[in-house]
Amino acid sequence: MHPKLILFSVGLTLAAASGAEPLATVGSRTIERSAVEKAMAGELLAIETQRYEVLKRGVDGLVNEALLELEAADRGISVEKLVEEEIFAKVGEPTEAEVQALYGEAKDDLDGAPLEQVRPQILTFLEQVQLGQRQKAFFVELRRKHPTKIALAPPSIEVATGNRVRGPAKAPVTIVEFSDYECPFCKRAEATVQKVLETYGEQVRFAYRDFPLDMHANARAAAEAAHCANAQGKFWQYHDQLMAAEALSAASFGEIADRVGLDREGFDLCVKEKTFAAEVDADLEAGERIGVSGTPVFFINGRIVDGAESFEEFQKIIDDEISRRSGPGA
């Protein structure tokens, strides 16, 4: 193997024992595995996800080694020469424009260091990025040429979408978010959600479900108000305004209703009578059943993303899900 080559890691299912397996007894009552797993579903999914990521790196590393060996044999050359020709030789020197752009982006983190002082580090970083991109692209090429099927499947859990959904029903990826309108981390995650929707378009279906936390005084009322907006066909407009608001209050709910063009009389009555309290309760109960305890929590085709993760984290899972449904070996 080429000494400079860093194999990319790509590609578990929840291996459950019998659900009727007794794990404890209290007097005449038996506590079965299925009850424990249901109560701890979210935490178990998080643990299995970590295990899957480790296995995924191992599988992809070995798959990539095998692909290199096959391709090298086809060409009658060594793996080292193949890597040199197809990866290192196809990556050029970073341009001055790329150096300048990265320096401009990182300037605040460089404590005012002049460009010439940090140029070697910038060049090394850009070279590594380009090598990584070329390496990834080459392995994609090899998987297309040499039939490759990854049987390892990510752990997931079945999550209902509720009735506030945007995007096509046949989209290959469905994202369900459990969120709280007064949660600062949820507000931070909103920018990532919007970027996901803009980037993937018709490939993603997105559902929002309420999980107002007791610590947030106006979160429950905001969720009910959003349901009232939904009753008038303007949930997403109202939702977006709630997420963008710096502070929430009874007065702000009415102001947002006016901004999005709701019928105020009907809206105010809906909020006052708590018309959709049961719907908020239903979302809370649904979240609790699958282990949600804080916000935001996302399920991407049932795969958990806990917290306000970066766009890149969402992208990694979404791309993997799309690939698994449409790529080689799907």
Protein backbone atom coordinates (compact mmCIF):
# COMPACT_ATOMS: atom_id res chain seq x y z
CA MET A 1 0.00 0.00 0.00
CA HIS A 2 1.27 3.49 -0.83
CA PRO A 3 2.68 5.01 2.40
CA LYS A 4 0.83 8.28 1.83
CA LEU A 5 -2.52 6.69 1.10
CA ILE A 6 -5.22 7.15 3.70
CA LEU A 7 -8.10 4.83 2.82
CA PHE A 8 -11.48 6.46 3.05
CA SER A 9 -13.96 4.69 5.30
CA VAL A 10 -17.43 4.14 3.93
CA GLY A 11 -20.19 1.28 4.44
CA LEU A 12 -25.43 -3.00 11.47
CA THR A 13 -28.56 -3.68 11.98
CA LEU A 14 -29.99 -3.87 15.45
CA ALA A 15 -29.33 -7.48 16.37
CA ALA A 16 -32.00 -8.01 18.96
CA ALA A 17 -32.55 -11.18 20.93
CA SER A 18 -36.06 -12.52 21.38
CA GLY A 19 -38.36 -9.76 22.57
CA ALA A 20 -39.94 -12.16 25.05
CA GLU A 21 -36.63 -12.80 26.82
CA PRO A 22 -37.12 -12.13 30.55
CA LEU A 23 -34.54 -9.69 31.93
CA ALA A 24 -35.96 -9.27 35.45
CA THR A 25 -38.79 -10.35 37.71
CA VAL A 26 -40.56 -8.40 40.43
CA GLY A 27 -42.82 -10.68 42.44
CA SER A 28 -45.05 -12.33 39.86
CA ARG A 29 -44.32 -9.71 37.21
CA THR A 30 -41.79 -10.38 34.45
CA ILE A 31 -39.92 -7.57 32.73
CA GLU A 32 -39.12 -8.63 29.18
CA ARG A 33 -36.42 -7.46 26.85
CA SER A 34 -38.95 -5.88 24.49
CA ALA A 35 -40.25 -3.59 27.26
CA VAL A 36 -36.74 -2.49 28.20
CA GLU A 37 -35.74 -1.88 24.59
CA LYS A 38 -38.91 0.13 24.00
CA ALA A 39 -38.22 2.27 27.08
CA MET A 40 -34.59 2.83 26.09
CA ALA A 41 -35.06 2.96 22.32
CA GLY A 42 -33.37 6.30 21.75
CA GLU A 43 -30.28 5.54 23.80
CA LEU A 44 -29.94 2.08 22.28
CA LEU A 45 -30.20 3.55 18.79
CA ALA A 46 -27.45 6.07 19.62
CA ILE A 47 -25.18 3.27 20.87
CA GLU A 48 -25.86 1.08 17.84
CA THR A 49 -25.19 4.06 15.58
CA GLN A 50 -21.73 4.49 17.12
CA ARG A 51 -21.06 0.78 16.63
CA TYR A 52 -22.24 1.00 13.05
CA GLU A 53 -19.88 3.89 12.31
CA VAL A 54 -16.91 1.82 13.55
CA LEU A 55 -17.97 -1.20 11.47
CA LYS A 56 -18.62 1.07 8.49
CA ARG A 57 -15.07 2.41 8.58
CA GLY A 58 -13.73 -1.14 8.77
CA VAL A 59 -15.87 -2.44 5.92
CA ASP A 60 -15.02 0.44 3.62
CA GLY A 61 -11.34 0.27 4.38
CA LEU A 62 -11.22 -3.42 3.43
CA VAL A 63 -13.49 -2.90 0.41
CA ASN A 64 -11.26 -0.12 -0.86
CA GLU A 65 -8.14 -2.24 -0.42
CA ALA A 66 -9.78 -5.05 -2.40
CA LEU A 67 -10.80 -2.62 -5.16
CA LEU A 68 -7.27 -1.30 -5.49
CA GLU A 69 -5.90 -4.82 -5.72
CA LEU A 70 -8.44 -5.80 -8.40
CA GLU A 71 -7.77 -2.70 -10.49
CA ALA A 72 -4.01 -3.03 -10.15
CA ALA A 73 -4.22 -6.66 -11.30
CA ASP A 74 -6.35 -5.63 -14.30
CA ARG A 75 -3.71 -3.13 -15.34
CA GLY A 76 -0.78 -5.37 -14.55
CA ILE A 77 0.79 -2.86 -12.16
CA SER A 78 1.36 -2.62 -8.42
CA VAL A 79 -1.14 -1.04 -6.05
CA GLU A 80 1.45 1.61 -5.23
CA LYS A 81 1.82 2.59 -8.89
CA LEU A 82 -1.96 2.62 -9.36
CA VAL A 83 -2.36 5.00 -6.43
CA GLU A 84 0.43 7.20 -7.71
CA GLU A 85 -1.04 7.40 -11.21
CA GLU A 86 -4.72 7.77 -10.31
CA ILE A 87 -4.58 9.87 -7.17
CA PHE A 88 -1.32 11.75 -6.60
CA ALA A 89 -0.56 12.43 -10.26
CA LYS A 90 -4.06 13.80 -10.85
CA VAL A 91 -3.92 16.42 -8.11
CA GLY A 92 -2.39 19.73 -9.10
CA GLU A 93 -0.76 22.43 -7.02
CA PRO A 94 -3.17 24.72 -5.19
CA THR A 95 -3.71 27.96 -7.06
CA GLU A 96 -2.89 31.36 -5.62
CA ALA A 97 -6.59 32.20 -5.66
CA GLU A 98 -7.31 29.12 -3.50
CA VAL A 99 -4.55 30.10 -1.08
CA GLN A 100 -5.85 33.65 -0.82
CA ALA A 101 -9.43 32.48 -0.35
CA LEU A 102 -8.56 30.06 2.47
CA TYR A 103 -6.37 32.67 4.14
CA GLY A 104 -9.25 35.14 4.04
CA GLU A 105 -11.63 32.60 5.58
CA ALA A 106 -9.20 31.58 8.34
CA LYS A 107 -7.66 34.98 9.02
CA ASP A 108 -9.53 35.52 12.30
CA ASP A 109 -8.20 32.22 13.63
CA LEU A 110 -4.59 32.97 12.69
CA ASP A 111 -4.03 35.77 15.23
CA GLY A 112 -3.14 38.22 12.48
CA ALA A 113 -0.28 36.13 11.08
CA PRO A 114 0.78 37.38 7.62
CA LEU A 115 0.03 35.16 4.64
CA GLU A 116 3.65 34.32 3.91
CA GLN A 117 4.13 33.04 7.44
CA VAL A 118 1.26 30.56 7.19
CA ARG A 119 1.49 29.80 3.47
CA PRO A 120 3.19 26.39 4.00
CA GLN A 121 0.40 25.23 6.32
CA ILE A 122 -2.27 26.51 3.91
CA LEU A 123 -0.64 24.73 0.97
CA THR A 124 -0.40 21.48 2.93
CA PHE A 125 -4.06 21.72 3.96
CA LEU A 126 -5.27 22.42 0.43
CA GLU A 127 -3.16 19.57 -0.95
CA GLN A 128 -4.66 17.15 1.57
CA VAL A 129 -8.18 18.32 0.72
CA GLN A 130 -7.58 17.81 -2.99
CA LEU A 131 -5.99 14.41 -2.41
CA GLY A 132 -8.98 13.39 -0.32
CA GLN A 133 -11.42 14.52 -2.99
CA ARG A 134 -9.54 12.70 -5.75
CA GLN A 135 -9.22 9.57 -3.63
CA LYS A 136 -12.95 9.57 -2.91
CA ALA A 137 -13.78 10.07 -6.57
CA PHE A 138 -11.45 7.25 -7.62
CA PHE A 139 -13.06 4.77 -5.24
CA VAL A 140 -16.46 5.75 -6.66
CA GLU A 141 -15.10 4.97 -10.13
CA LEU A 142 -13.75 1.61 -8.95
CA ARG A 143 -17.05 0.63 -7.33
CA ARG A 144 -18.82 1.30 -10.60
CA LYS A 145 -16.33 -0.82 -12.54
CA HIS A 146 -16.01 -3.71 -10.10
CA PRO A 147 -19.39 -4.98 -8.79
CA THR A 148 -19.47 -4.03 -5.12
CA LYS A 149 -22.29 -4.66 -2.69
CA ILE A 150 -22.25 -3.49 0.92
CA ALA A 151 -24.54 -5.64 3.07
CA LEU A 152 -23.86 -3.67 6.23
CA ALA A 153 -26.98 -1.61 7.00
CA PRO A 154 -27.20 1.34 9.42
CA PRO A 155 -29.36 0.98 12.53
CA SER A 156 -32.65 2.82 12.32
CA ILE A 157 -36.00 3.13 14.03
CA GLU A 158 -39.46 3.60 12.58
CA VAL A 159 -40.62 7.19 13.07
CA ALA A 160 -44.01 8.50 11.95
CA THR A 161 -44.01 11.85 10.17
CA GLY A 162 -47.20 13.39 11.55
CA ASN A 163 -49.18 15.72 9.28
CA ARG A 164 -46.82 18.67 8.82
CA VAL A 165 -44.63 17.53 5.98
CA ARG A 166 -42.97 19.24 3.06
CA GLY A 167 -41.43 17.52 0.06
CA PRO A 168 -42.55 14.68 -2.21
CA ALA A 169 -43.92 11.47 -0.69
CA LYS A 170 -41.61 9.41 -2.91
CA ALA A 171 -38.42 11.23 -1.87
CA PRO A 172 -35.63 8.74 -1.06
CA VAL A 173 -34.91 10.49 2.23
CA THR A 174 -37.38 11.44 4.96
CA ILE A 175 -36.23 13.62 7.85
CA VAL A 176 -38.36 13.91 10.98
CA GLU A 177 -37.43 16.61 13.49
CA PHE A 178 -38.62 16.78 17.10
CA SER A 179 -38.16 20.38 18.14
CA ASP A 180 -39.03 23.24 20.48
CA TYR A 181 -39.66 26.81 19.30
CA GLU A 182 -37.86 28.36 22.29
CA CYS A 183 -34.85 26.05 22.20
CA PRO A 184 -31.72 27.99 21.14
CA PHE A 185 -30.15 24.85 19.67
CA CYS A 186 -33.29 24.27 17.59
CA LYS A 187 -33.06 27.80 16.26
CA ARG A 188 -29.40 27.23 15.42
CA ALA A 189 -30.29 24.00 13.62
CA GLU A 190 -32.91 25.77 11.50
CA ALA A 191 -30.25 27.22 9.21
CA THR A 192 -28.92 23.72 8.61
CA VAL A 193 -32.42 22.41 7.89
CA GLN A 194 -32.98 25.18 5.33
CA LYS A 195 -29.64 24.44 3.67
CA VAL A 196 -30.52 20.74 3.47
CA LEU A 197 -33.86 21.54 1.83
CA GLU A 198 -32.27 23.96 -0.63
CA THR A 199 -29.44 21.55 -1.47
CA TYR A 200 -31.46 18.36 -1.91
CA GLY A 201 -34.78 19.68 -3.18
CA GLU A 202 -37.08 16.85 -4.31
CA GLN A 203 -34.79 14.21 -2.81
CA VAL A 204 -35.79 15.09 0.75
CA ARG A 205 -39.12 14.98 2.56
CA PHE A 206 -39.12 16.91 5.84
CA ALA A 207 -41.52 16.57 8.77
CA TYR A 208 -41.75 18.71 11.89
CA ARG A 209 -43.03 17.36 15.21
CA ASP A 210 -43.45 19.21 18.50
CA PHE A 211 -41.42 18.48 21.58
CA PRO A 212 -41.80 21.59 23.79
CA LEU A 213 -39.63 21.31 26.87
CA ASP A 214 -40.97 22.22 30.31
CA MET A 215 -38.05 24.60 30.88
CA HIS A 216 -39.25 26.88 28.05
CA ALA A 217 -42.21 28.94 29.21
CA ASN A 218 -43.64 29.77 25.77
CA ALA A 219 -42.69 26.68 23.80
CA ARG A 220 -45.93 24.81 24.39
CA ALA A 221 -48.09 27.80 23.47
CA ALA A 222 -45.96 28.41 20.37
CA ALA A 223 -46.47 24.81 19.24
CA GLU A 224 -50.25 25.14 19.67
CA ALA A 225 -50.24 28.46 17.80
CA ALA A 226 -48.35 26.82 14.91
CA HIS A 227 -51.05 24.16 14.75
CA CYS A 228 -53.63 26.94 14.51
CA ALA A 229 -51.69 28.39 11.58
CA ASN A 230 -51.62 24.92 10.05
CA ALA A 231 -55.42 24.81 10.24
CA GLN A 232 -55.42 27.83 7.92
CA GLY A 233 -52.91 26.25 5.54
CA LYS A 234 -49.92 28.39 6.56
CA PHE A 235 -47.95 26.21 8.94
CA TRP A 236 -44.54 26.54 7.30
CA GLN A 237 -44.73 30.31 6.99
CA TYR A 238 -45.72 30.56 10.66
CA HIS A 239 -43.13 27.97 11.69
CA ASP A 240 -40.33 29.87 9.97
CA GLN A 241 -41.33 33.11 11.71
CA LEU A 242 -41.41 31.41 15.12
CA MET A 243 -37.93 29.99 14.56
CA ALA A 244 -36.61 33.39 13.48
CA ALA A 245 -38.12 35.27 16.44
CA GLU A 246 -35.72 36.47 19.13
CA ALA A 247 -38.36 36.15 21.85
CA LEU A 248 -41.78 34.56 22.03
CA SER A 249 -44.90 35.68 23.87
CA ALA A 250 -48.66 35.69 23.49
CA ALA A 251 -48.40 39.07 21.78
CA SER A 252 -45.77 37.82 19.33
CA PHE A 253 -47.98 34.92 18.27
CA GLY A 254 -50.60 37.41 17.09
CA GLU A 255 -48.03 39.63 15.40
CA ILE A 256 -46.67 36.67 13.45
CA ALA A 257 -50.22 35.66 12.52
CA ASP A 258 -50.72 39.10 10.98
CA ARG A 259 -47.42 38.96 9.12
CA VAL A 260 -48.22 35.66 7.45
CA GLY A 261 -51.79 36.70 6.63
CA LEU A 262 -53.88 34.55 8.96
CA ASP A 263 -57.48 35.27 9.81
CA ARG A 264 -56.89 36.79 13.24
CA GLU A 265 -60.32 36.14 14.67
CA GLY A 266 -60.16 32.45 13.89
CA PHE A 267 -56.52 32.21 14.94
CA ASP A 268 -57.07 33.98 18.28
CA LEU A 269 -60.03 31.76 19.10
CA CYS A 270 -58.03 28.66 18.19
CA VAL A 271 -55.16 29.72 20.48
CA LYS A 272 -57.46 30.75 23.33
CA GLU A 273 -59.40 27.48 23.30
CA LYS A 274 -56.23 25.38 22.94
CA THR A 275 -57.83 23.61 20.03
CA PHE A 276 -54.73 21.59 19.18
CA ALA A 277 -53.44 20.75 22.67
CA ALA A 278 -54.06 17.06 22.03
CA GLU A 279 -51.97 17.15 18.85
CA VAL A 280 -49.00 18.60 20.74
CA ASP A 281 -49.44 15.91 23.40
CA ALA A 282 -49.47 13.26 20.69
CA ASP A 283 -46.14 14.49 19.31
CA LEU A 284 -44.62 14.55 22.79
CA GLU A 285 -45.77 11.01 23.47
CA ALA A 286 -44.50 9.81 20.08
CA GLY A 287 -41.10 11.34 20.78
CA GLU A 288 -40.89 9.88 24.26
CA ARG A 289 -41.75 6.40 22.93
CA ILE A 290 -38.66 6.44 20.73
CA GLY A 291 -36.37 7.94 23.35
CA VAL A 292 -36.46 11.67 22.61
CA SER A 293 -35.67 13.64 25.77
CA GLY A 294 -34.13 16.87 24.50
CA THR A 295 -34.20 18.99 21.37
CA PRO A 296 -33.52 19.08 18.54
CA VAL A 297 -33.49 15.43 17.52
CA PHE A 298 -33.62 14.38 13.88
CA PHE A 299 -34.33 11.01 12.32
CA ILE A 300 -33.00 10.66 8.78
CA ASN A 301 -34.73 7.60 7.35
CA GLY A 302 -34.91 6.54 10.98
CA ARG A 303 -31.21 7.19 11.66
CA ILE A 304 -30.76 9.42 14.68
CA VAL A 305 -28.96 12.78 14.65
CA ASP A 306 -29.05 14.15 18.17
CA GLY A 307 -28.51 17.90 18.48
CA ALA A 308 -27.73 20.84 16.23
CA GLU A 309 -25.17 19.08 14.05
CA SER A 310 -23.46 20.66 11.06
CA PHE A 311 -24.73 20.56 7.50
CA GLU A 312 -21.82 18.25 6.69
CA GLU A 313 -23.08 15.67 9.22
CA PHE A 314 -26.54 15.74 7.64
CA GLN A 315 -25.00 15.61 4.18
CA LYS A 316 -22.97 12.51 5.05
CA ILE A 317 -26.06 10.56 6.15
CA ILE A 318 -28.33 11.86 3.39
CA ASP A 319 -25.80 11.04 0.68
CA ASP A 320 -25.33 7.59 2.17
CA GLU A 321 -29.10 6.99 2.22
CA ILE A 322 -29.50 8.16 -1.38
CA SER A 323 -26.56 6.00 -2.46
CA ARG A 324 -27.89 2.95 -0.66
CA ARG A 325 -31.23 3.32 -2.45
CA SER A 326 -29.98 4.14 -5.93
CA GLY A 327 -26.29 3.28 -6.22
CA PRO A 328 -24.42 0.08 -7.11
CA GLY A 329 -25.63 -2.85 -5.08
CA ALA A 330 -28.86 -1.10 -4.06
